[in-house]
PDB file of N, CA and C in Angstrom:
ATOM      1  N   MET A   1     153.095  75.489 123.463  1.00  0.00           N
ATOM      2  CA  MET A   1     151.922  74.846 123.992  1.00  0.00           C
ATOM      3  C   MET A   1     152.095  74.705 125.501  1.00  0.00           C
ATOM      4  N   ASN A   2     151.048  74.926 126.229  1.00  0.00           N
ATOM      5  CA  ASN A   2     151.091  74.879 127.677  1.00  0.00           C
ATOM      6  C   ASN A   2     150.111  73.809 128.160  1.00  0.00           C
ATOM      7  N   ASN A   3     150.609  72.649 128.544  1.00  0.00           N
ATOM      8  CA  ASN A   3     149.785  71.534 129.023  1.00  0.00           C
ATOM      9  C   ASN A   3     148.733  71.110 127.994  1.00  0.00           C
ATOM     10  N   GLY A   4     149.011  71.325 126.715  1.00  0.00           N
ATOM     11  CA  GLY A   4     148.071  70.926 125.673  1.00  0.00           C
ATOM     12  C   GLY A   4     146.827  71.775 125.605  1.00  0.00           C
ATOM     13  N   ARG A   5     146.811  72.929 126.255  1.00  0.00           N
ATOM     14  CA  ARG A   5     145.589  73.729 126.309  1.00  0.00           C
ATOM     15  C   ARG A   5     145.711  75.082 125.621  1.00  0.00           C
ATOM     16  N   VAL A   6     146.874  75.657 125.617  1.00  0.00           N
ATOM     17  CA  VAL A   6     147.034  77.008 125.084  1.00  0.00           C
ATOM     18  C   VAL A   6     148.038  77.008 123.945  1.00  0.00           C
ATOM     19  N   ILE A   7     147.650  77.618 122.845  1.00  0.00           N
ATOM     20  CA  ILE A   7     148.551  77.756 121.702  1.00  0.00           C
ATOM     21  C   ILE A   7     148.653  79.234 121.376  1.00  0.00           C
ATOM     22  N   ASN A   8     149.848  79.712 121.229  1.00  0.00           N
ATOM     23  CA  ASN A   8     150.085  81.109 120.888  1.00  0.00           C
ATOM     24  C   ASN A   8     150.763  81.158 119.529  1.00  0.00           C
ATOM     25  N   LEU A   9     150.078  81.713 118.529  1.00  0.00           N
ATOM     26  CA  LEU A   9     150.607  81.825 117.178  1.00  0.00           C
ATOM     27  C   LEU A   9     150.866  83.292 116.870  1.00  0.00           C
ATOM     28  N   THR A  10     151.962  83.575 116.198  1.00  0.00           N
ATOM     29  CA  THR A  10     152.285  84.940 115.803  1.00  0.00           C
ATOM     30  C   THR A  10     152.463  84.976 114.295  1.00  0.00           C
ATOM     31  N   TYR A  11     151.708  85.866 113.619  1.00  0.00           N
ATOM     32  CA  TYR A  11     151.745  85.981 112.170  1.00  0.00           C
ATOM     33  C   TYR A  11     151.802  87.428 111.748  1.00  0.00           C
ATOM     34  N   ASP A  12     152.366  87.656 110.570  1.00  0.00           N
ATOM     35  CA  ASP A  12     152.194  88.917 109.856  1.00  0.00           C
ATOM     36  C   ASP A  12     151.099  88.668 108.844  1.00  0.00           C
ATOM     37  N   LEU A  13     149.972  89.346 109.003  1.00  0.00           N
ATOM     38  CA  LEU A  13     148.804  89.098 108.179  1.00  0.00           C
ATOM     39  C   LEU A  13     148.153  90.420 107.823  1.00  0.00           C
ATOM     40  N   PRO A  14     147.819  90.639 106.554  1.00  0.00           N
ATOM     41  CA  PRO A  14     147.132  91.886 106.198  1.00  0.00           C
ATOM     42  C   PRO A  14     145.802  91.994 106.937  1.00  0.00           C
ATOM     43  N   LEU A  15     145.499  93.182 107.427  1.00  0.00           N
ATOM     44  CA  LEU A  15     144.266  93.389 108.189  1.00  0.00           C
ATOM     45  C   LEU A  15     143.039  93.053 107.356  1.00  0.00           C
ATOM     46  N   SER A  16     143.077  93.309 106.060  1.00  0.00           N
ATOM     47  CA  SER A  16     141.929  93.005 105.213  1.00  0.00           C
ATOM     48  C   SER A  16     141.623  91.514 105.206  1.00  0.00           C
ATOM     49  N   GLU A  17     142.640  90.672 105.337  1.00  0.00           N
ATOM     50  CA  GLU A  17     142.425  89.232 105.391  1.00  0.00           C
ATOM     51  C   GLU A  17     141.738  88.840 106.697  1.00  0.00           C
ATOM     52  N   MET A  18     142.029  89.539 107.765  1.00  0.00           N
ATOM     53  CA  MET A  18     141.406  89.235 109.050  1.00  0.00           C
ATOM     54  C   MET A  18     139.952  89.670 109.060  1.00  0.00           C
ATOM     55  N   ILE A  19     139.654  90.749 108.394  1.00  0.00           N
ATOM     56  CA  ILE A  19     138.301  91.299 108.424  1.00  0.00           C
ATOM     57  C   ILE A  19     137.323  90.383 107.710  1.00  0.00           C
ATOM     58  N   THR A  20     137.750  89.745 106.631  1.00  0.00           N
ATOM     59  CA  THR A  20     136.834  88.924 105.857  1.00  0.00           C
ATOM     60  C   THR A  20     136.728  87.524 106.435  1.00  0.00           C
ATOM     61  N   ASP A  21     135.847  87.340 107.356  1.00  0.00           N
ATOM     62  CA  ASP A  21     135.444  86.050 107.928  1.00  0.00           C
ATOM     63  C   ASP A  21     136.483  85.336 108.782  1.00  0.00           C
ATOM     64  N   PHE A  22     137.676  85.874 108.955  1.00  0.00           N
ATOM     65  CA  PHE A  22     138.680  85.165 109.746  1.00  0.00           C
ATOM     66  C   PHE A  22     138.208  84.975 111.179  1.00  0.00           C
ATOM     67  N   PHE A  23     137.728  86.042 111.796  1.00  0.00           N
ATOM     68  CA  PHE A  23     137.307  85.969 113.191  1.00  0.00           C
ATOM     69  C   PHE A  23     136.137  84.997 113.352  1.00  0.00           C
ATOM     70  N   ASP A  24     135.148  85.060 112.442  1.00  0.00           N
ATOM     71  CA  ASP A  24     134.000  84.157 112.519  1.00  0.00           C
ATOM     72  C   ASP A  24     134.415  82.700 112.343  1.00  0.00           C
ATOM     73  N   GLN A  25     135.323  82.446 111.409  1.00  0.00           N
ATOM     74  CA  GLN A  25     135.787  81.076 111.201  1.00  0.00           C
ATOM     75  C   GLN A  25     136.563  80.567 112.408  1.00  0.00           C
ATOM     76  N   MET A  26     137.368  81.432 113.003  1.00  0.00           N
ATOM     77  CA  MET A  26     138.155  81.027 114.165  1.00  0.00           C
ATOM     78  C   MET A  26     137.228  80.660 115.332  1.00  0.00           C
ATOM     79  N   LYS A  27     136.227  81.478 115.576  1.00  0.00           N
ATOM     80  CA  LYS A  27     135.286  81.186 116.665  1.00  0.00           C
ATOM     81  C   LYS A  27     134.497  79.907 116.387  1.00  0.00           C
ATOM     82  N   SER A  28     134.123  79.706 115.135  1.00  0.00           N
ATOM     83  CA  SER A  28     133.368  78.517 114.769  1.00  0.00           C
ATOM     84  C   SER A  28     134.196  77.250 114.954  1.00  0.00           C
ATOM     85  N   LEU A  29     135.438  77.263 114.475  1.00  0.00           N
ATOM     86  CA  LEU A  29     136.293  76.084 114.590  1.00  0.00           C
ATOM     87  C   LEU A  29     136.666  75.762 116.024  1.00  0.00           C
ATOM     88  N   SER A  30     136.775  76.794 116.860  1.00  0.00           N
ATOM     89  CA  SER A  30     137.166  76.562 118.253  1.00  0.00           C
ATOM     90  C   SER A  30     135.961  76.441 119.179  1.00  0.00           C
ATOM     91  N   GLN A  31     134.776  76.436 118.603  1.00  0.00           N
ATOM     92  CA  GLN A  31     133.527  76.383 119.365  1.00  0.00           C
ATOM     93  C   GLN A  31     133.433  77.528 120.365  1.00  0.00           C
ATOM     94  N   GLY A  32     133.974  78.682 119.986  1.00  0.00           N
ATOM     95  CA  GLY A  32     133.868  79.880 120.804  1.00  0.00           C
ATOM     96  C   GLY A  32     134.973  80.073 121.817  1.00  0.00           C
ATOM     97  N   TYR A  33     135.937  79.164 121.896  1.00  0.00           N
ATOM     98  CA  TYR A  33     136.968  79.256 122.920  1.00  0.00           C
ATOM     99  C   TYR A  33     138.194  80.065 122.495  1.00  0.00           C
ATOM    100  N   ALA A  34     138.406  80.248 121.208  1.00  0.00           N
ATOM    101  CA  ALA A  34     139.590  80.980 120.742  1.00  0.00           C
ATOM    102  C   ALA A  34     139.387  82.485 120.895  1.00  0.00           C
ATOM    103  N   SER A  35     140.476  83.191 121.030  1.00  0.00           N
ATOM    104  CA  SER A  35     140.408  84.647 121.080  1.00  0.00           C
ATOM    105  C   SER A  35     141.462  85.204 120.130  1.00  0.00           C
ATOM    106  N   LEU A  36     141.319  86.467 119.814  1.00  0.00           N
ATOM    107  CA  LEU A  36     142.217  87.111 118.868  1.00  0.00           C
ATOM    108  C   LEU A  36     142.670  88.435 119.449  1.00  0.00           C
ATOM    109  N   ASP A  37     143.961  88.632 119.459  1.00  0.00           N
ATOM    110  CA  ASP A  37     144.544  89.901 119.878  1.00  0.00           C
ATOM    111  C   ASP A  37     145.527  90.299 118.791  1.00  0.00           C
ATOM    112  N   TYR A  38     145.456  91.554 118.341  1.00  0.00           N
ATOM    113  CA  TYR A  38     146.363  91.954 117.275  1.00  0.00           C
ATOM    114  C   TYR A  38     146.947  93.330 117.545  1.00  0.00           C
ATOM    115  N   GLU A  39     148.089  93.559 116.964  1.00  0.00           N
ATOM    116  CA  GLU A  39     148.756  94.853 117.016  1.00  0.00           C
ATOM    117  C   GLU A  39     149.081  95.267 115.597  1.00  0.00           C
ATOM    118  N   GLN A  40     148.873  96.535 115.318  1.00  0.00           N
ATOM    119  CA  GLN A  40     149.242  97.046 114.005  1.00  0.00           C
ATOM    120  C   GLN A  40     150.745  97.260 113.989  1.00  0.00           C
ATOM    121  N   ASP A  41     151.411  96.597 113.073  1.00  0.00           N
ATOM    122  CA  ASP A  41     152.867  96.632 113.009  1.00  0.00           C
ATOM    123  C   ASP A  41     153.370  97.772 112.134  1.00  0.00           C
ATOM    124  N   ARG A  42     152.789  97.883 110.942  1.00  0.00           N
ATOM    125  CA  ARG A  42     153.273  98.897 110.008  1.00  0.00           C
ATOM    126  C   ARG A  42     152.272  99.054 108.871  1.00  0.00           C
ATOM    127  N   TYR A  43     152.461 100.103 108.109  1.00  0.00           N
ATOM    128  CA  TYR A  43     151.712 100.311 106.870  1.00  0.00           C
ATOM    129  C   TYR A  43     152.599  99.913 105.709  1.00  0.00           C
ATOM    130  N   GLU A  44     152.008  99.314 104.702  1.00  0.00           N
ATOM    131  CA  GLU A  44     152.745  98.946 103.502  1.00  0.00           C
ATOM    132  C   GLU A  44     151.939  99.360 102.279  1.00  0.00           C
ATOM    133  N   ILE A  45     152.643  99.712 101.240  1.00  0.00           N
ATOM    134  CA  ILE A  45     151.989 100.040  99.978  1.00  0.00           C
ATOM    135  C   ILE A  45     151.570  98.743  99.307  1.00  0.00           C
ATOM    136  N   ALA A  46     150.339  98.710  98.809  1.00  0.00           N
ATOM    137  CA  ALA A  46     149.824  97.508  98.162  1.00  0.00           C
ATOM    138  C   ALA A  46     149.055  97.901  96.905  1.00  0.00           C
ATOM    139  N   ASP A  47     148.961  96.975  95.974  1.00  0.00           N
ATOM    140  CA  ASP A  47     148.207  97.194  94.744  1.00  0.00           C
ATOM    141  C   ASP A  47     146.738  96.869  94.990  1.00  0.00           C
ATOM    142  N   ILE A  48     145.999  97.863  95.464  1.00  0.00           N
ATOM    143  CA  ILE A  48     144.591  97.698  95.796  1.00  0.00           C
ATOM    144  C   ILE A  48     143.748  98.316  94.688  1.00  0.00           C
ATOM    145  N   ARG A  49     142.679  97.623  94.306  1.00  0.00           N
ATOM    146  CA  ARG A  49     141.773  98.119  93.275  1.00  0.00           C
ATOM    147  C   ARG A  49     140.364  98.198  93.845  1.00  0.00           C
ATOM    148  N   LEU A  50     139.586  99.119  93.320  1.00  0.00           N
ATOM    149  CA  LEU A  50     138.194  99.275  93.721  1.00  0.00           C
ATOM    150  C   LEU A  50     137.317  98.468  92.774  1.00  0.00           C
ATOM    151  N   VAL A  51     136.524  97.552  93.338  1.00  0.00           N
ATOM    152  CA  VAL A  51     135.573  96.770  92.558  1.00  0.00           C
ATOM    153  C   VAL A  51     134.198  97.369  92.818  1.00  0.00           C
ATOM    154  N   VAL A  52     133.533  97.790  91.749  1.00  0.00           N
ATOM    155  CA  VAL A  52     132.203  98.379  91.870  1.00  0.00           C
ATOM    156  C   VAL A  52     131.245  97.562  91.014  1.00  0.00           C
ATOM    157  N   PHE A  53     130.209  97.018  91.633  1.00  0.00           N
ATOM    158  CA  PHE A  53     129.190  96.290  90.895  1.00  0.00           C
ATOM    159  C   PHE A  53     128.087  97.257  90.499  1.00  0.00           C
ATOM    160  N   HIS A  54     127.586  97.070  89.287  1.00  0.00           N
ATOM    161  CA  HIS A  54     126.513  97.916  88.758  1.00  0.00           C
ATOM    162  C   HIS A  54     125.233  97.097  88.658  1.00  0.00           C
ATOM    163  N   LEU A  55     124.132  97.726  88.962  1.00  0.00           N
ATOM    164  CA  LEU A  55     122.819  97.100  88.839  1.00  0.00           C
ATOM    165  C   LEU A  55     122.000  97.955  87.892  1.00  0.00           C
ATOM    166  N   ASN A  56     121.593  97.386  86.780  1.00  0.00           N
ATOM    167  CA  ASN A  56     120.887  98.119  85.715  1.00  0.00           C
ATOM    168  C   ASN A  56     121.680  99.335  85.261  1.00  0.00           C
ATOM    169  N   GLY A  57     122.984  99.190  85.199  1.00  0.00           N
ATOM    170  CA  GLY A  57     123.845 100.261  84.711  1.00  0.00           C
ATOM    171  C   GLY A  57     124.238 101.292  85.754  1.00  0.00           C
ATOM    172  N   ASP A  58     123.681 101.216  86.940  1.00  0.00           N
ATOM    173  CA  ASP A  58     123.995 102.182  87.998  1.00  0.00           C
ATOM    174  C   ASP A  58     124.902 101.541  89.047  1.00  0.00           C
ATOM    175  N   PRO A  59     125.959 102.240  89.464  1.00  0.00           N
ATOM    176  CA  PRO A  59     126.834 101.673  90.503  1.00  0.00           C
ATOM    177  C   PRO A  59     126.098 101.574  91.845  1.00  0.00           C
ATOM    178  N   VAL A  60     126.355 100.495  92.571  1.00  0.00           N
ATOM    179  CA  VAL A  60     125.730 100.284  93.883  1.00  0.00           C
ATOM    180  C   VAL A  60     126.823 100.425  94.936  1.00  0.00           C
ATOM    181  N   ASP A  61     126.706 101.462  95.784  1.00  0.00           N
ATOM    182  CA  ASP A  61     127.732 101.726  96.799  1.00  0.00           C
ATOM    183  C   ASP A  61     127.922 100.558  97.753  1.00  0.00           C
ATOM    184  N   ALA A  62     126.835  99.883  98.101  1.00  0.00           N
ATOM    185  CA  ALA A  62     126.933  98.759  99.040  1.00  0.00           C
ATOM    186  C   ALA A  62     127.673  97.570  98.421  1.00  0.00           C
ATOM    187  N   LEU A  63     127.820  97.564  97.105  1.00  0.00           N
ATOM    188  CA  LEU A  63     128.518  96.481  96.421  1.00  0.00           C
ATOM    189  C   LEU A  63     129.850  96.971  95.865  1.00  0.00           C
ATOM    190  N   SER A  64     130.521  97.818  96.612  1.00  0.00           N
ATOM    191  CA  SER A  64     131.848  98.305  96.255  1.00  0.00           C
ATOM    192  C   SER A  64     132.855  97.756  97.261  1.00  0.00           C
ATOM    193  N   PHE A  65     133.957  97.222  96.762  1.00  0.00           N
ATOM    194  CA  PHE A  65     134.939  96.567  97.620  1.00  0.00           C
ATOM    195  C   PHE A  65     136.355  96.972  97.228  1.00  0.00           C
ATOM    196  N   LEU A  66     137.231  97.030  98.202  1.00  0.00           N
ATOM    197  CA  LEU A  66     138.653  97.203  97.954  1.00  0.00           C
ATOM    198  C   LEU A  66     139.285  95.816  97.970  1.00  0.00           C
ATOM    199  N   VAL A  67     139.953  95.452  96.878  1.00  0.00           N
ATOM    200  CA  VAL A  67     140.488  94.104  96.721  1.00  0.00           C
ATOM    201  C   VAL A  67     141.919  94.208  96.215  1.00  0.00           C
ATOM    202  N   HIS A  68     142.789  93.347  96.746  1.00  0.00           N
ATOM    203  CA  HIS A  68     144.164  93.310  96.257  1.00  0.00           C
ATOM    204  C   HIS A  68     144.164  92.823  94.810  1.00  0.00           C
ATOM    205  N   GLU A  69     145.045  93.397  94.015  1.00  0.00           N
ATOM    206  CA  GLU A  69     145.073  93.109  92.583  1.00  0.00           C
ATOM    207  C   GLU A  69     145.265  91.627  92.282  1.00  0.00           C
ATOM    208  N   SER A  70     145.975  90.902  93.123  1.00  0.00           N
ATOM    209  CA  SER A  70     146.212  89.478  92.885  1.00  0.00           C
ATOM    210  C   SER A  70     144.930  88.645  93.013  1.00  0.00           C
ATOM    211  N   ARG A  71     143.939  89.154  93.718  1.00  0.00           N
ATOM    212  CA  ARG A  71     142.678  88.430  93.920  1.00  0.00           C
ATOM    213  C   ARG A  71     141.517  89.059  93.183  1.00  0.00           C
ATOM    214  N   LEU A  72     141.777  90.062  92.359  1.00  0.00           N
ATOM    215  CA  LEU A  72     140.735  90.866  91.747  1.00  0.00           C
ATOM    216  C   LEU A  72     139.768  90.046  90.890  1.00  0.00           C
ATOM    217  N   VAL A  73     140.277  89.289  89.952  1.00  0.00           N
ATOM    218  CA  VAL A  73     139.416  88.533  89.035  1.00  0.00           C
ATOM    219  C   VAL A  73     138.670  87.436  89.785  1.00  0.00           C
ATOM    220  N   GLU A  74     139.377  86.695  90.627  1.00  0.00           N
ATOM    221  CA  GLU A  74     138.750  85.609  91.393  1.00  0.00           C
ATOM    222  C   GLU A  74     137.621  86.138  92.278  1.00  0.00           C
ATOM    223  N   PHE A  75     137.876  87.227  92.984  1.00  0.00           N
ATOM    224  CA  PHE A  75     136.872  87.818  93.868  1.00  0.00           C
ATOM    225  C   PHE A  75     135.661  88.295  93.074  1.00  0.00           C
ATOM    226  N   SER A  76     135.908  89.014  91.983  1.00  0.00           N
ATOM    227  CA  SER A  76     134.818  89.586  91.190  1.00  0.00           C
ATOM    228  C   SER A  76     133.924  88.504  90.599  1.00  0.00           C
ATOM    229  N   LYS A  77     134.522  87.478  90.024  1.00  0.00           N
ATOM    230  CA  LYS A  77     133.730  86.393  89.444  1.00  0.00           C
ATOM    231  C   LYS A  77     132.928  85.652  90.505  1.00  0.00           C
ATOM    232  N   GLY A  78     133.561  85.361  91.642  1.00  0.00           N
ATOM    233  CA  GLY A  78     132.868  84.655  92.719  1.00  0.00           C
ATOM    234  C   GLY A  78     131.703  85.454  93.279  1.00  0.00           C
ATOM    235  N   TYR A  79     131.923  86.748  93.456  1.00  0.00           N
ATOM    236  CA  TYR A  79     130.851  87.588  94.001  1.00  0.00           C
ATOM    237  C   TYR A  79     129.717  87.739  92.991  1.00  0.00           C
ATOM    238  N   ALA A  80     130.068  87.849  91.701  1.00  0.00           N
ATOM    239  CA  ALA A  80     129.041  87.942  90.665  1.00  0.00           C
ATOM    240  C   ALA A  80     128.195  86.672  90.623  1.00  0.00           C
ATOM    241  N   ARG A  81     128.828  85.510  90.800  1.00  0.00           N
ATOM    242  CA  ARG A  81     128.077  84.251  90.844  1.00  0.00           C
ATOM    243  C   ARG A  81     127.100  84.236  92.019  1.00  0.00           C
ATOM    244  N   LYS A  82     127.563  84.686  93.177  1.00  0.00           N
ATOM    245  CA  LYS A  82     126.689  84.722  94.353  1.00  0.00           C
ATOM    246  C   LYS A  82     125.504  85.661  94.124  1.00  0.00           C
ATOM    247  N   LEU A  83     125.781  86.824  93.540  1.00  0.00           N
ATOM    248  CA  LEU A  83     124.699  87.776  93.268  1.00  0.00           C
ATOM    249  C   LEU A  83     123.691  87.194  92.284  1.00  0.00           C
ATOM    250  N   LYS A  84     124.183  86.465  91.300  1.00  0.00           N
ATOM    251  CA  LYS A  84     123.294  85.857  90.306  1.00  0.00           C
ATOM    252  C   LYS A  84     122.349  84.867  90.975  1.00  0.00           C
ATOM    253  N   GLU A  85     122.834  84.120  91.960  1.00  0.00           N
ATOM    254  CA  GLU A  85     122.002  83.150  92.671  1.00  0.00           C
ATOM    255  C   GLU A  85     120.982  83.840  93.580  1.00  0.00           C
ATOM    256  N   ILE A  86     121.384  84.945  94.193  1.00  0.00           N
ATOM    257  CA  ILE A  86     120.549  85.599  95.200  1.00  0.00           C
ATOM    258  C   ILE A  86     119.490  86.518  94.586  1.00  0.00           C
ATOM    259  N   LEU A  87     119.914  87.323  93.608  1.00  0.00           N
ATOM    260  CA  LEU A  87     119.003  88.317  93.028  1.00  0.00           C
ATOM    261  C   LEU A  87     118.014  87.677  92.066  1.00  0.00           C
ATOM    262  N   PRO A  88     116.759  88.120  92.099  1.00  0.00           N
ATOM    263  CA  PRO A  88     115.793  87.602  91.131  1.00  0.00           C
ATOM    264  C   PRO A  88     116.115  88.131  89.732  1.00  0.00           C
ATOM    265  N   PRO A  89     115.709  87.385  88.690  1.00  0.00           N
ATOM    266  CA  PRO A  89     115.992  87.828  87.309  1.00  0.00           C
ATOM    267  C   PRO A  89     115.342  89.164  86.972  1.00  0.00           C
TER     268      PRO A  89
END
């Protein structure tokens, strides 16, 4: 910390975690004052699965996501709930 004004944090974080709302949340919490700088450190093998939502039996490309296997069920159920609220019957 520098005079209580600057904080520098260093993390190893999967890029997919940063892409999903991390930047927006950071800007919102800091009222626009925070910034983000990142470097790609390495590639790692991960258990990634493709989630494809179907509408009337047809796959929808815009509703296809790559999700880590550990979050697969939680993500799918949560997204299905959101779609149920948004889409008309």
